[in-house]
Amino acid sequence: METVTFDEAIARALEKNPTIAIASTNILRSEAILQQVRAAVMPRLGANITNTTLDSGRSFGDQTVQPQNQSLFGLSATAPIVAAAQWAARAQALDQVGIARLSTTDTRRQIAVATASAYLAVIAQKRQVEVSLNAIETARGQLDYNTKRREGGVGSRLNELRSAQILASNEALVEIFRLNVRRAQEALGVLLAANAAVDVNGEPAFEVPVEAAEGEWMPARTDVQLFTAEREASDRVRRDSSKDWWPAASVTFGPQLLAPSGIFQPSRSWSLSFQAAAPLYDAGSRRGVRRQREASLQASTFTLEQVQIRARSEARIARAAVEAQERALTRARQAAQHANEVLKITIIAFDAGSTTNIEVIDAQRSARDLETIVAQGEDAVRQARLELLVALGRFPK
């Protein structure tokens, strides 16, 4: 099975995950819209050819007024002079390009976090397998010992069956944990766009950052950047509402070539025209559009505030979780150490005849359960540190 390090997994997911590629298409779409909007305020040049054939030529005396077949070749160049609404639309489309890029960046963050969680899940499940294998080794040794005692005539069949029961239950657990490892590896492979399960190589070290002011870490979060940009874009659209009242003006220049020419129609001619239009009364349509834009601005403002409140909460709870999980892991390791010592003493006492097999079995269960809690605590600490880095906008780098 292919193995990857933590950094390799994150880099590969950011490069090959299809979700990021789908999000990147929004950038291309926004840039295409920007190009279309930009074209609306650029000069335009057109050409036309018209051929007219009459039933017969028109004459006046011996002069041809209009030939029977006549072709008109013309050019038309138009340039806007005043186009405030189109200029505003161009700036608004440029904002959408920036929003699309920030959205892709936030998607990359989400994929990176999902990949990191999947990577840590593989480590956690493999740790559970190790705990179960250690428990199996202890249970198998105890079963062999009780079997030899029974065969030697100093033990009982009951003690042997109890040891076999503990061994079988641990073997069942290890199969379940191995399946969980495979599921976690398959989930990691999906995130890495691999057509097979992917295993992990090494454990990441997440450094806990020192506490910093909100102004230092809040702007680093990609979701805050995204919703801030959306709020600023909505505010620009609202402010640009006044440009809907501006007049629009343009100039058009059109040279023409007529062949053959008539008496009253010169062969070469040109025209220059200026056009201006101003809206006077629209039954409140533009006011309604402005109110709609103001509502969108308020919604984006409230959304940004909600994201910032959630970000502060995530940062607080993530730092508290790191501290609490580290304390819990320390206590769990102490308890597991004590349980293993109790198990050794209980086995020695059983060999000396001071305790029963039931006490040995209880000590085995307790040691296994506490080792499982330690493995879960180690995973919880890794996850808490990762969540703190994510909450502070420091992952991925």
Protein backbone atom coordinates (compact mmCIF):
# COMPACT_ATOMS: atom_id res chain seq x y z
CA MET A 1 0.00 0.00 0.00
CA GLU A 2 1.23 3.47 -0.83
CA THR A 3 2.34 5.53 2.16
CA VAL A 4 2.61 9.30 2.49
CA THR A 5 3.84 11.70 5.11
CA PHE A 6 1.57 14.34 6.56
CA ASP A 7 3.01 17.17 4.47
CA GLU A 8 2.88 15.01 1.34
CA ALA A 9 -0.76 14.18 1.99
CA ILE A 10 -1.76 17.82 2.38
CA ALA A 11 0.19 18.92 -0.71
CA ARG A 12 -1.22 16.09 -2.81
CA ALA A 13 -4.80 16.76 -1.72
CA LEU A 14 -4.47 20.45 -2.57
CA GLU A 15 -3.07 19.54 -5.98
CA LYS A 16 -5.31 16.68 -7.10
CA ASN A 17 -8.58 16.77 -5.17
CA PRO A 18 -11.43 17.26 -7.69
CA THR A 19 -13.38 19.52 -5.32
CA ILE A 20 -10.67 22.16 -5.59
CA ALA A 21 -10.66 21.85 -9.38
CA ILE A 22 -14.43 22.36 -9.43
CA ALA A 23 -14.08 25.45 -7.23
CA SER A 24 -11.37 26.79 -9.54
CA THR A 25 -13.81 26.79 -12.45
CA ASN A 26 -15.72 29.55 -10.65
CA ILE A 27 -12.68 31.78 -11.13
CA LEU A 28 -12.73 31.15 -14.87
CA ARG A 29 -16.46 31.84 -14.97
CA SER A 30 -16.05 35.13 -13.07
CA GLU A 31 -13.20 36.19 -15.33
CA ALA A 32 -15.35 35.43 -18.39
CA ILE A 33 -18.16 37.59 -16.99
CA LEU A 34 -15.65 40.36 -16.30
CA GLN A 35 -14.49 40.20 -19.90
CA GLN A 36 -18.06 40.50 -21.15
CA VAL A 37 -18.80 43.47 -18.88
CA ARG A 38 -15.54 45.15 -19.84
CA ALA A 39 -16.41 44.82 -23.53
CA ALA A 40 -19.56 46.90 -22.95
CA VAL A 41 -17.50 50.04 -22.27
CA MET A 42 -14.97 49.53 -25.06
CA PRO A 43 -15.24 51.00 -28.60
CA ARG A 44 -16.92 48.79 -31.17
CA LEU A 45 -16.22 48.51 -34.88
CA GLY A 46 -18.55 46.92 -37.39
CA ALA A 47 -18.76 46.44 -41.14
CA ASN A 48 -21.73 45.92 -43.40
CA ILE A 49 -22.33 45.19 -47.08
CA THR A 50 -25.68 45.77 -48.78
CA ASN A 51 -26.44 44.85 -52.40
CA THR A 52 -29.66 46.11 -53.98
CA THR A 53 -31.02 44.97 -57.33
CA LEU A 54 -34.03 46.74 -58.88
CA ASP A 55 -36.25 45.61 -61.75
CA SER A 56 -34.60 48.35 -63.81
CA GLY A 57 -32.39 51.36 -63.33
CA ARG A 58 -33.88 54.76 -62.57
CA SER A 59 -32.98 57.50 -65.03
CA PHE A 60 -33.70 61.19 -65.42
CA GLY A 61 -33.10 62.24 -68.92
CA ASP A 62 -29.80 60.75 -69.97
CA GLN A 63 -28.56 60.61 -66.36
CA THR A 64 -28.84 57.50 -64.18
CA VAL A 65 -30.39 58.42 -60.87
CA GLN A 66 -30.12 54.94 -59.38
CA PRO A 67 -28.41 52.02 -61.06
CA GLN A 68 -30.26 48.71 -61.36
CA ASN A 69 -27.59 46.97 -59.20
CA GLN A 70 -25.92 48.91 -56.44
CA SER A 71 -23.65 47.87 -53.53
CA LEU A 72 -23.09 49.77 -50.29
CA PHE A 73 -19.97 49.17 -48.19
CA GLY A 74 -19.98 50.74 -44.76
CA LEU A 75 -18.06 50.85 -41.49
CA SER A 76 -19.43 51.85 -38.11
CA ALA A 77 -17.32 52.80 -35.09
CA THR A 78 -19.11 53.48 -31.80
CA ALA A 79 -17.49 54.54 -28.53
CA PRO A 80 -19.23 55.32 -25.24
CA ILE A 81 -18.53 58.74 -23.80
CA VAL A 82 -20.54 58.48 -20.60
CA ALA A 83 -21.51 54.99 -19.37
CA ALA A 84 -21.56 55.20 -15.59
CA ALA A 85 -23.67 52.08 -15.06
CA GLN A 86 -21.40 49.99 -17.28
CA TRP A 87 -18.30 51.35 -15.57
CA ALA A 88 -19.78 50.38 -12.22
CA ALA A 89 -20.65 46.91 -13.52
CA ARG A 90 -17.03 46.42 -14.56
CA ALA A 91 -15.78 47.17 -11.03
CA GLN A 92 -18.47 44.90 -9.59
CA ALA A 93 -17.45 42.05 -11.90
CA LEU A 94 -13.84 42.54 -10.82
CA ASP A 95 -14.98 42.13 -7.20
CA GLN A 96 -16.63 38.83 -8.12
CA VAL A 97 -13.35 37.56 -9.55
CA GLY A 98 -11.67 38.28 -6.22
CA ILE A 99 -14.51 36.57 -4.36
CA ALA A 100 -14.20 33.49 -6.57
CA ARG A 101 -10.50 33.29 -5.80
CA LEU A 102 -11.11 33.63 -2.07
CA SER A 103 -13.82 30.98 -2.29
CA THR A 104 -11.35 28.62 -3.93
CA THR A 105 -8.83 29.39 -1.19
CA ASP A 106 -11.43 28.57 1.47
CA THR A 107 -12.26 25.33 -0.34
CA ARG A 108 -8.57 24.45 -0.28
CA ARG A 109 -8.60 25.03 3.48
CA GLN A 110 -11.58 22.72 3.92
CA ILE A 111 -9.94 19.98 1.85
CA ALA A 112 -6.69 20.37 3.79
CA VAL A 113 -8.52 20.09 7.11
CA ALA A 114 -10.45 17.03 5.93
CA THR A 115 -7.22 15.41 4.73
CA ALA A 116 -5.48 16.15 8.02
CA SER A 117 -8.39 14.65 9.97
CA ALA A 118 -8.33 11.53 7.78
CA TYR A 119 -4.58 11.22 8.28
CA LEU A 120 -4.97 11.47 12.06
CA ALA A 121 -7.83 8.94 11.95
CA VAL A 122 -5.50 6.37 10.40
CA ILE A 123 -2.96 6.97 13.16
CA ALA A 124 -5.62 6.68 15.86
CA GLN A 125 -7.07 3.42 14.51
CA LYS A 126 -3.61 1.88 14.09
CA ARG A 127 -2.89 2.81 17.71
CA GLN A 128 -6.04 0.94 18.75
CA VAL A 129 -4.77 -2.09 16.86
CA GLU A 130 -1.49 -1.90 18.77
CA VAL A 131 -3.33 -1.77 22.09
CA SER A 132 -5.43 -4.79 21.15
CA LEU A 133 -2.37 -6.75 19.97
CA ASN A 134 -0.63 -6.07 23.29
CA ALA A 135 -3.74 -7.23 25.11
CA ILE A 136 -3.81 -10.37 22.94
CA GLU A 137 -0.19 -11.11 23.77
CA THR A 138 -0.89 -10.81 27.49
CA ALA A 139 -4.07 -12.89 27.26
CA ARG A 140 -2.35 -15.59 25.20
CA GLY A 141 0.45 -15.85 27.74
CA GLN A 142 -2.07 -16.19 30.54
CA LEU A 143 -4.00 -18.85 28.59
CA ASP A 144 -0.83 -20.85 27.98
CA TYR A 145 0.03 -20.64 31.65
CA ASN A 146 -3.43 -21.80 32.80
CA THR A 147 -3.39 -24.60 30.23
CA LYS A 148 -0.06 -25.89 31.55
CA ARG A 149 -1.35 -25.66 35.12
CA ARG A 150 -4.42 -27.69 34.22
CA GLU A 151 -2.35 -30.24 32.36
CA GLY A 152 -0.04 -30.44 35.38
CA GLY A 153 -2.96 -31.11 37.66
CA VAL A 154 -2.68 -27.90 39.71
CA GLY A 155 -5.04 -25.69 37.64
CA SER A 156 -8.69 -25.82 36.69
CA ARG A 157 -10.57 -25.98 33.42
CA LEU A 158 -12.56 -22.91 34.55
CA ASN A 159 -9.45 -20.72 34.73
CA GLU A 160 -8.37 -21.95 31.32
CA LEU A 161 -11.78 -21.11 29.79
CA ARG A 162 -11.79 -17.67 31.35
CA SER A 163 -8.38 -16.91 29.84
CA ALA A 164 -9.56 -18.24 26.48
CA GLN A 165 -12.60 -15.97 26.69
CA ILE A 166 -10.44 -12.90 27.23
CA LEU A 167 -8.18 -13.91 24.35
CA ALA A 168 -11.09 -14.43 21.97
CA SER A 169 -12.70 -11.09 22.86
CA ASN A 170 -9.42 -9.25 22.26
CA GLU A 171 -8.97 -11.03 18.92
CA ALA A 172 -12.47 -9.93 17.91
CA LEU A 173 -11.67 -6.33 18.85
CA VAL A 174 -8.46 -6.29 16.83
CA GLU A 175 -10.34 -7.39 13.72
CA ILE A 176 -12.80 -4.54 14.17
CA PHE A 177 -9.97 -2.04 14.65
CA ARG A 178 -8.16 -3.37 11.58
CA LEU A 179 -11.31 -2.80 9.54
CA ASN A 180 -11.49 0.74 10.93
CA VAL A 181 -7.89 1.26 9.84
CA ARG A 182 -8.77 0.17 6.32
CA ARG A 183 -11.78 2.47 6.23
CA ALA A 184 -9.64 5.40 7.37
CA GLN A 185 -7.01 4.56 4.74
CA GLU A 186 -9.68 4.41 2.04
CA ALA A 187 -11.07 7.78 3.16
CA LEU A 188 -7.57 9.25 2.96
CA GLY A 189 -7.14 7.78 -0.53
CA VAL A 190 -10.36 9.42 -1.71
CA LEU A 191 -9.20 12.82 -0.49
CA LEU A 192 -5.87 12.32 -2.27
CA ALA A 193 -7.68 11.38 -5.51
CA ALA A 194 -6.04 7.94 -5.41
CA ASN A 195 -7.72 4.81 -6.76
CA ALA A 196 -6.60 2.79 -3.75
CA ALA A 197 -6.23 3.05 -0.01
CA VAL A 198 -3.32 5.17 1.24
CA ASP A 199 -1.40 4.56 4.46
CA VAL A 200 0.35 7.12 6.64
CA ASN A 201 4.04 7.45 7.39
CA GLY A 202 4.93 9.36 10.53
CA GLU A 203 3.02 11.47 12.99
CA PRO A 204 2.67 15.24 12.50
CA ALA A 205 3.85 17.61 15.19
CA PHE A 206 1.45 20.51 15.72
CA GLU A 207 3.02 23.37 17.62
CA VAL A 208 0.60 25.22 19.87
CA PRO A 209 0.83 28.94 19.02
CA VAL A 210 0.96 31.52 21.76
CA GLU A 211 -2.07 33.65 22.37
CA ALA A 212 -2.33 36.67 20.10
CA ALA A 213 -4.64 39.63 19.66
CA GLU A 214 -7.73 39.14 17.52
CA GLY A 215 -6.45 41.58 14.93
CA GLU A 216 -3.46 39.31 14.29
CA TRP A 217 -5.23 35.99 13.64
CA MET A 218 -8.77 36.91 12.56
CA PRO A 219 -7.77 38.36 9.13
CA ALA A 220 -5.79 35.19 8.43
CA ARG A 221 -8.91 32.99 8.33
CA THR A 222 -9.99 32.32 4.77
CA ASP A 223 -13.70 32.24 5.62
CA VAL A 224 -13.44 35.69 7.21
CA GLN A 225 -11.58 36.95 4.15
CA LEU A 226 -14.28 35.51 1.88
CA PHE A 227 -17.25 37.02 3.71
CA THR A 228 -15.43 40.33 4.16
CA ALA A 229 -14.94 40.50 0.41
CA GLU A 230 -18.60 39.66 -0.18
CA ARG A 231 -19.66 42.40 2.22
CA GLU A 232 -17.40 44.95 0.49
CA ALA A 233 -18.74 43.88 -2.90
CA SER A 234 -22.34 44.34 -1.71
CA ASP A 235 -21.45 47.78 -0.37
CA ARG A 236 -19.94 48.75 -3.73
CA VAL A 237 -23.09 47.63 -5.55
CA ARG A 238 -25.22 49.70 -3.18
CA ARG A 239 -23.06 52.79 -3.63
CA ASP A 240 -23.14 52.37 -7.39
CA SER A 241 -26.94 52.63 -7.37
CA SER A 242 -26.66 56.39 -7.89
CA LYS A 243 -25.02 55.78 -11.26
CA ASP A 244 -28.25 54.29 -12.57
CA TRP A 245 -29.52 57.90 -12.76
CA TRP A 246 -26.63 59.15 -14.86
CA PRO A 247 -27.20 59.88 -18.54
CA ALA A 248 -25.56 57.71 -21.18
CA ALA A 249 -23.75 59.22 -24.15
CA SER A 250 -21.93 57.75 -27.13
CA VAL A 251 -20.40 58.83 -30.44
CA THR A 252 -20.71 56.99 -33.75
CA PHE A 253 -18.64 57.47 -36.90
CA GLY A 254 -19.59 55.70 -40.13
CA PRO A 255 -17.83 56.00 -43.52
CA GLN A 256 -19.62 54.54 -46.60
CA LEU A 257 -18.70 53.51 -50.11
CA LEU A 258 -21.43 53.25 -52.77
CA ALA A 259 -20.77 51.58 -56.11
CA PRO A 260 -21.88 52.57 -58.61
CA SER A 261 -23.04 55.95 -57.42
CA GLY A 262 -26.12 57.83 -58.56
CA ILE A 263 -26.70 61.49 -59.32
CA PHE A 264 -27.96 62.30 -55.84
CA GLN A 265 -25.84 59.70 -54.05
CA PRO A 266 -22.08 60.35 -53.77
CA SER A 267 -19.69 57.44 -54.04
CA ARG A 268 -17.96 58.22 -50.76
CA SER A 269 -19.57 59.69 -47.66
CA TRP A 270 -19.36 59.63 -43.88
CA SER A 271 -21.47 60.53 -40.88
CA LEU A 272 -20.69 61.52 -37.31
CA SER A 273 -23.40 61.41 -34.65
CA PHE A 274 -23.61 62.00 -30.93
CA GLN A 275 -26.30 60.34 -28.84
CA ALA A 276 -27.31 61.06 -25.26
CA ALA A 277 -30.13 59.59 -23.22
CA ALA A 278 -31.19 60.23 -19.65
CA PRO A 279 -33.87 58.34 -17.70
CA LEU A 280 -36.52 60.67 -16.31
CA TYR A 281 -39.27 58.50 -14.89
CA ASP A 282 -39.25 54.74 -14.35
CA ALA A 283 -42.18 54.26 -11.93
CA GLY A 284 -39.85 53.53 -9.00
CA SER A 285 -37.90 50.69 -10.62
CA ARG A 286 -34.47 52.04 -9.71
CA ARG A 287 -35.55 52.79 -6.15
CA GLY A 288 -36.67 49.20 -5.80
CA VAL A 289 -33.32 47.97 -7.11
CA ARG A 290 -31.51 50.18 -4.61
CA ARG A 291 -33.59 48.84 -1.71
CA GLN A 292 -32.84 45.32 -2.84
CA ARG A 293 -29.13 46.10 -2.86
CA GLU A 294 -29.36 47.63 0.61
CA ALA A 295 -31.02 44.46 1.86
CA SER A 296 -28.24 42.36 0.32
CA LEU A 297 -25.66 44.58 2.05
CA GLN A 298 -27.37 44.11 5.42
CA ALA A 299 -27.52 40.35 4.91
CA SER A 300 -23.83 40.17 4.02
CA THR A 301 -22.98 42.37 7.03
CA PHE A 302 -24.90 40.10 9.40
CA THR A 303 -23.29 37.04 7.82
CA LEU A 304 -19.82 38.48 8.33
CA GLU A 305 -20.61 39.28 11.96
CA GLN A 306 -21.87 35.75 12.47
CA VAL A 307 -18.70 34.28 10.96
CA GLN A 308 -16.53 36.47 13.18
CA ILE A 309 -18.48 35.48 16.30
CA ARG A 310 -18.12 31.82 15.37
CA ALA A 311 -14.40 32.31 14.70
CA ARG A 312 -13.86 33.84 18.16
CA SER A 313 -15.77 30.96 19.74
CA GLU A 314 -13.78 28.36 17.79
CA ALA A 315 -10.49 29.95 18.84
CA ARG A 316 -11.50 30.03 22.52
CA ILE A 317 -12.84 26.49 22.66
CA ALA A 318 -9.94 25.13 20.60
CA ARG A 319 -7.35 26.54 23.00
CA ALA A 320 -9.36 25.31 26.00
CA ALA A 321 -9.67 21.89 24.34
CA VAL A 322 -5.90 21.63 23.84
CA GLU A 323 -5.27 22.38 27.51
CA ALA A 324 -8.01 20.04 28.75
CA GLN A 325 -7.06 17.17 26.43
CA GLU A 326 -3.39 17.43 27.37
CA ARG A 327 -4.28 17.26 31.08
CA ALA A 328 -6.61 14.32 30.44
CA LEU A 329 -3.92 12.49 28.46
CA THR A 330 -1.42 12.93 31.29
CA ARG A 331 -3.89 11.46 33.79
CA ALA A 332 -4.81 8.63 31.42
CA ARG A 333 -1.16 7.68 30.95
CA GLN A 334 -0.68 7.63 34.71
CA ALA A 335 -3.76 5.46 35.13
CA ALA A 336 -2.60 3.08 32.38
CA GLN A 337 0.81 2.82 33.99
CA HIS A 338 -0.76 1.97 37.31
CA ALA A 339 -3.10 -0.55 35.67
CA ASN A 340 -0.19 -2.33 34.00
CA GLU A 341 1.64 -2.51 37.32
CA VAL A 342 -1.50 -3.87 38.96
CA LEU A 343 -1.74 -6.50 36.23
CA LYS A 344 1.85 -7.61 36.78
CA ILE A 345 1.38 -7.81 40.53
CA THR A 346 -1.92 -9.67 40.13
CA ILE A 347 -0.33 -12.24 37.81
CA ILE A 348 2.54 -12.75 40.26
CA ALA A 349 0.08 -13.11 43.12
CA PHE A 350 -1.97 -15.59 41.08
CA ASP A 351 1.12 -17.64 40.41
CA ALA A 352 1.78 -17.67 44.14
CA GLY A 353 -1.82 -18.67 44.86
CA SER A 354 -2.74 -15.43 46.62
CA THR A 355 -5.39 -14.32 44.09
CA THR A 356 -7.88 -15.92 41.75
CA ASN A 357 -8.05 -15.98 37.99
CA ILE A 358 -11.03 -13.62 38.10
CA GLU A 359 -8.84 -10.90 39.57
CA VAL A 360 -6.31 -11.47 36.80
CA ILE A 361 -9.03 -11.15 34.17
CA ASP A 362 -10.32 -7.94 35.76
CA ALA A 363 -6.80 -6.53 35.79
CA GLN A 364 -6.36 -7.45 32.12
CA ARG A 365 -9.60 -5.74 31.16
CA SER A 366 -8.72 -2.64 33.15
CA ALA A 367 -5.26 -2.40 31.60
CA ARG A 368 -6.64 -2.84 28.09
CA ASP A 369 -9.40 -0.30 28.63
CA LEU A 370 -7.00 2.29 29.99
CA GLU A 371 -4.55 1.74 27.14
CA THR A 372 -7.49 2.32 24.78
CA ILE A 373 -8.31 5.54 26.63
CA VAL A 374 -4.68 6.64 26.25
CA ALA A 375 -4.82 6.00 22.51
CA GLN A 376 -8.06 7.97 22.28
CA GLY A 377 -6.53 10.75 24.36
CA GLU A 378 -3.50 10.97 22.08
CA ASP A 379 -5.79 11.30 19.08
CA ALA A 380 -7.89 13.90 20.91
CA VAL A 381 -4.79 15.99 21.61
CA ARG A 382 -3.70 15.85 17.98
CA GLN A 383 -7.17 16.79 16.80
CA ALA A 384 -7.43 19.64 19.32
CA ARG A 385 -4.09 21.09 18.21
CA LEU A 386 -5.14 20.85 14.59
CA GLU A 387 -8.45 22.57 15.34
CA LEU A 388 -6.59 25.36 17.14
CA LEU A 389 -4.34 25.96 14.13
CA VAL A 390 -7.40 25.97 11.86
CA ALA A 391 -9.30 28.35 14.16
CA LEU A 392 -6.37 30.77 14.13
CA GLY A 393 -6.03 30.63 10.34
CA ARG A 394 -2.61 28.95 10.50
CA PHE A 395 -3.53 25.74 8.72
CA PRO A 396 -2.85 25.11 5.94
CA LYS A 397 0.16 27.36 5.69
